Amino acid sequence: MADGDVDFDDAEIQRILNSAPMRNEIQMVMNLIVARARSTSPIRTGDYISAFRTEMHTNRKLRAVGLVINDDPGSAAIESLFGVLTKSRRAS
């Protein structure tokens, strides 16, 4: 290896990206996004605000991935009009 070259251990990087501390960090960010989304959501019936949930997916070969989901049937329309999740993600 020449001076200045870095040799990455792919297995170690994958282990870190799927580790419990990484999943905890991802969960913390997802919780912040949900809290911000709930605090900035338009309120009509409360169904949209109560429909937020998070999911954590891990892929042994890649990394842990967190998703913030809203299951309300009108969530696509609300997101297109107000950008609640988009703005919440950027703020977190």
Protein backbone atom coordinates (compact mmCIF):
# COMPACT_ATOMS: atom_id res chain seq x y z
CA MET A 1 0.00 0.00 0.00
CA ALA A 2 1.41 3.40 -0.99
CA ASP A 3 1.61 6.33 1.40
CA GLY A 4 -1.77 7.97 1.86
CA ASP A 5 -3.77 4.96 0.64
CA VAL A 6 -6.53 3.74 2.88
CA ASP A 7 -7.60 0.11 2.91
CA PHE A 8 -11.22 -0.24 4.02
CA ASP A 9 -12.43 -3.41 5.65
CA ASP A 10 -15.86 -3.87 4.05
CA ALA A 11 -16.95 -6.46 6.61
CA GLU A 12 -16.13 -4.11 9.48
CA ILE A 13 -17.96 -1.20 7.82
CA GLN A 14 -21.03 -3.40 7.30
CA ARG A 15 -20.85 -4.50 10.94
CA ILE A 16 -20.79 -0.86 12.08
CA LEU A 17 -23.65 0.16 9.77
CA ASN A 18 -25.81 -2.67 11.18
CA SER A 19 -24.70 -2.30 14.81
CA ALA A 20 -26.98 -1.59 17.75
CA PRO A 21 -25.51 1.90 18.32
CA MET A 22 -26.18 2.78 14.66
CA ARG A 23 -29.75 1.47 14.90
CA ASN A 24 -30.22 3.49 18.10
CA GLU A 25 -29.05 6.65 16.32
CA ILE A 26 -31.37 5.96 13.40
CA GLN A 27 -34.29 5.40 15.80
CA MET A 28 -33.49 8.66 17.58
CA VAL A 29 -33.57 10.59 14.30
CA MET A 30 -36.81 8.89 13.25
CA ASN A 31 -38.37 9.87 16.60
CA LEU A 32 -37.30 13.49 16.06
CA ILE A 33 -38.82 13.46 12.57
CA VAL A 34 -42.12 12.05 13.88
CA ALA A 35 -42.24 14.60 16.72
CA ARG A 36 -41.58 17.48 14.34
CA ALA A 37 -44.09 16.14 11.80
CA ARG A 38 -46.78 15.83 14.46
CA SER A 39 -46.12 19.34 15.75
CA THR A 40 -46.35 20.89 12.27
CA SER A 41 -49.16 18.79 10.80
CA PRO A 42 -52.47 20.36 9.85
CA ILE A 43 -55.18 19.28 12.26
CA ARG A 44 -58.64 18.49 11.02
CA THR A 45 -59.61 15.16 12.55
CA GLY A 46 -56.35 14.06 14.16
CA ASP A 47 -56.20 10.94 12.00
CA TYR A 48 -53.11 12.12 10.09
CA ILE A 49 -51.17 12.97 13.26
CA SER A 50 -51.96 9.61 14.87
CA ALA A 51 -50.99 7.62 11.77
CA PHE A 52 -47.22 8.17 11.97
CA ARG A 53 -45.05 5.14 12.68
CA THR A 54 -41.44 4.09 12.24
CA GLU A 55 -39.86 0.95 10.86
CA MET A 56 -36.29 -0.29 11.11
CA HIS A 57 -34.93 -2.61 8.44
CA THR A 58 -31.55 -4.25 8.51
CA ASN A 59 -29.78 -5.83 5.63
CA ARG A 60 -26.88 -8.07 6.58
CA LYS A 61 -24.94 -7.03 3.48
CA LEU A 62 -25.65 -3.30 3.54
CA ARG A 63 -26.85 -1.28 6.52
CA ALA A 64 -29.71 -0.49 8.85
CA VAL A 65 -32.39 1.72 7.32
CA GLY A 66 -35.12 3.64 9.12
CA LEU A 67 -38.45 4.63 7.61
CA VAL A 68 -40.99 7.16 8.85
CA ILE A 69 -44.41 6.21 7.50
CA ASN A 70 -47.87 7.72 7.67
CA ASP A 71 -50.69 5.24 7.06
CA ASP A 72 -53.51 7.78 6.83
CA PRO A 73 -55.36 7.40 3.49
CA GLY A 74 -55.00 11.15 2.88
CA SER A 75 -51.29 11.29 3.68
CA ALA A 76 -50.21 11.63 0.04
CA ALA A 77 -52.49 14.62 -0.47
CA ILE A 78 -51.40 16.24 2.80
CA GLU A 79 -47.74 15.69 1.97
CA SER A 80 -48.17 17.15 -1.52
CA LEU A 81 -49.89 20.24 -0.11
CA PHE A 82 -47.88 20.85 3.06
CA GLY A 83 -44.65 18.81 2.77
CA VAL A 84 -44.87 17.80 6.43
CA LEU A 85 -42.47 14.85 6.33
CA THR A 86 -40.08 16.53 3.91
CA LYS A 87 -39.77 19.60 6.11
CA SER A 88 -39.50 17.49 9.25
CA ARG A 89 -36.71 15.39 7.78
CA ARG A 90 -34.76 18.47 6.77
CA ALA A 91 -35.18 20.00 10.23
CA SER A 92 -33.91 16.87 11.96
